[in-house]
Amino acid sequence: MFIRSIEIDGVEENVTIAHTDHGALVTAGNRVLFEMQRDEPREARFAKAYEAAKLICGRDKQGAPCATNSMIHEVLTEIERVAGC
C-alpha cells in the first residue's frame, strides 16, 4: 500500500506531491517543480524539499523559505512518504 498523492496548501501556491514509478513528482499549479527519485542521496532530496518549502511556507526578503530546519524536514518526510523512500 502506498499514498498516491498529497496536496499541501501553501502560502504562495498549493503544492501537489504525486507518486510515480521511480519516486515522486512535485508540482505547483500547472508547473512541475521537480521529480524526486527514490535512489537520490539524502542531501539532494533535502535540497529539493528546501525549494518546495519556499512555496509552502513563503519566502523572506532574501528569497529563502520562512521555515525552520525542522519544518523543511517535515516537507521532506511527506515527499518521501509519497515516493516510498
Protein backbone atom coordinates (compact mmCIF):
# COMPACT_ATOMS: atom_id res chain seq x y z
CA MET A 1 0.00 0.00 0.00
CA PHE A 2 1.26 3.49 -0.81
CA ILE A 3 -0.01 7.05 -0.87
CA ARG A 4 -0.91 8.18 -4.40
CA SER A 5 -0.77 11.93 -3.79
CA ILE A 6 -0.78 14.65 -1.16
CA GLU A 7 -1.75 18.28 -1.66
CA ILE A 8 -0.31 20.87 0.73
CA ASP A 9 -1.92 24.32 0.92
CA GLY A 10 0.96 26.75 0.76
CA VAL A 11 1.32 30.47 1.37
CA GLU A 12 2.29 31.19 -2.25
CA GLU A 13 0.76 28.18 -4.05
CA ASN A 14 -0.66 24.75 -3.38
CA VAL A 15 1.94 22.03 -3.83
CA THR A 16 0.92 18.57 -5.05
CA ILE A 17 3.14 15.55 -4.45
CA ALA A 18 2.22 12.60 -6.69
CA HIS A 19 3.59 9.05 -6.65
CA THR A 20 5.48 7.89 -9.78
CA ASP A 21 7.17 4.62 -10.68
CA HIS A 22 10.58 5.97 -9.67
CA GLY A 23 9.69 8.30 -6.81
CA ALA A 24 7.54 11.42 -6.58
CA LEU A 25 6.58 14.31 -8.85
CA VAL A 26 6.14 17.68 -7.13
CA THR A 27 4.03 20.31 -8.88
CA ALA A 28 2.70 23.78 -8.08
CA GLY A 29 -0.37 24.59 -10.12
CA ASN A 30 0.39 23.58 -13.71
CA ARG A 31 4.18 23.70 -13.45
CA VAL A 32 6.47 20.89 -12.42
CA LEU A 33 8.86 21.87 -9.63
CA PHE A 34 10.94 18.69 -9.61
CA GLU A 35 10.89 14.91 -9.67
CA MET A 36 12.45 13.15 -6.71
CA GLN A 37 13.94 9.71 -7.37
CA ARG A 38 13.96 7.12 -4.58
CA ASP A 39 17.67 6.40 -5.09
CA GLU A 40 18.85 10.03 -4.81
CA PRO A 41 21.23 10.92 -1.97
CA ARG A 42 19.63 12.45 1.12
CA GLU A 43 21.35 15.81 0.55
CA ALA A 44 19.79 16.09 -2.92
CA ARG A 45 16.36 15.18 -1.54
CA PHE A 46 16.72 17.81 1.21
CA ALA A 47 17.70 20.47 -1.36
CA LYS A 48 14.51 19.73 -3.30
CA ALA A 49 12.39 19.87 -0.13
CA TYR A 50 14.03 23.24 0.59
CA GLU A 51 12.74 24.54 -2.77
CA ALA A 52 9.23 23.19 -2.10
CA ALA A 53 9.24 24.82 1.36
CA LYS A 54 9.64 28.22 -0.32
CA LEU A 55 6.17 27.86 -1.86
CA ILE A 56 4.59 26.16 1.13
CA CYS A 57 5.91 28.46 3.89
CA GLY A 58 6.58 31.64 1.92
CA ARG A 59 9.87 33.47 1.36
CA ASP A 60 11.82 36.07 3.29
CA LYS A 61 13.45 39.15 1.73
CA GLN A 62 16.49 37.14 0.61
CA GLY A 63 14.32 34.51 -1.10
CA ALA A 64 14.93 31.77 1.49
CA PRO A 65 11.94 29.87 2.88
CA CYS A 66 10.27 31.29 6.00
CA ALA A 67 10.67 27.91 7.65
CA THR A 68 12.81 26.33 10.32
CA ASN A 69 15.03 23.37 9.55
CA SER A 70 12.53 21.03 11.20
CA MET A 71 9.71 22.42 9.01
CA ILE A 72 11.79 21.66 5.90
CA HIS A 73 12.37 18.14 7.26
CA GLU A 74 8.58 17.74 7.60
CA VAL A 75 8.18 18.66 3.92
CA LEU A 76 10.93 16.15 3.07
CA THR A 77 9.19 13.47 5.14
CA GLU A 78 5.92 13.96 3.27
CA ILE A 79 7.66 13.80 -0.12
CA GLU A 80 9.50 10.63 0.94
CA ARG A 81 6.22 9.05 2.15
CA VAL A 82 4.66 9.53 -1.26
CA ALA A 83 7.84 8.46 -3.09
CA GLY A 84 8.13 5.31 -0.98
CA CYS A 85 11.64 6.04 0.33
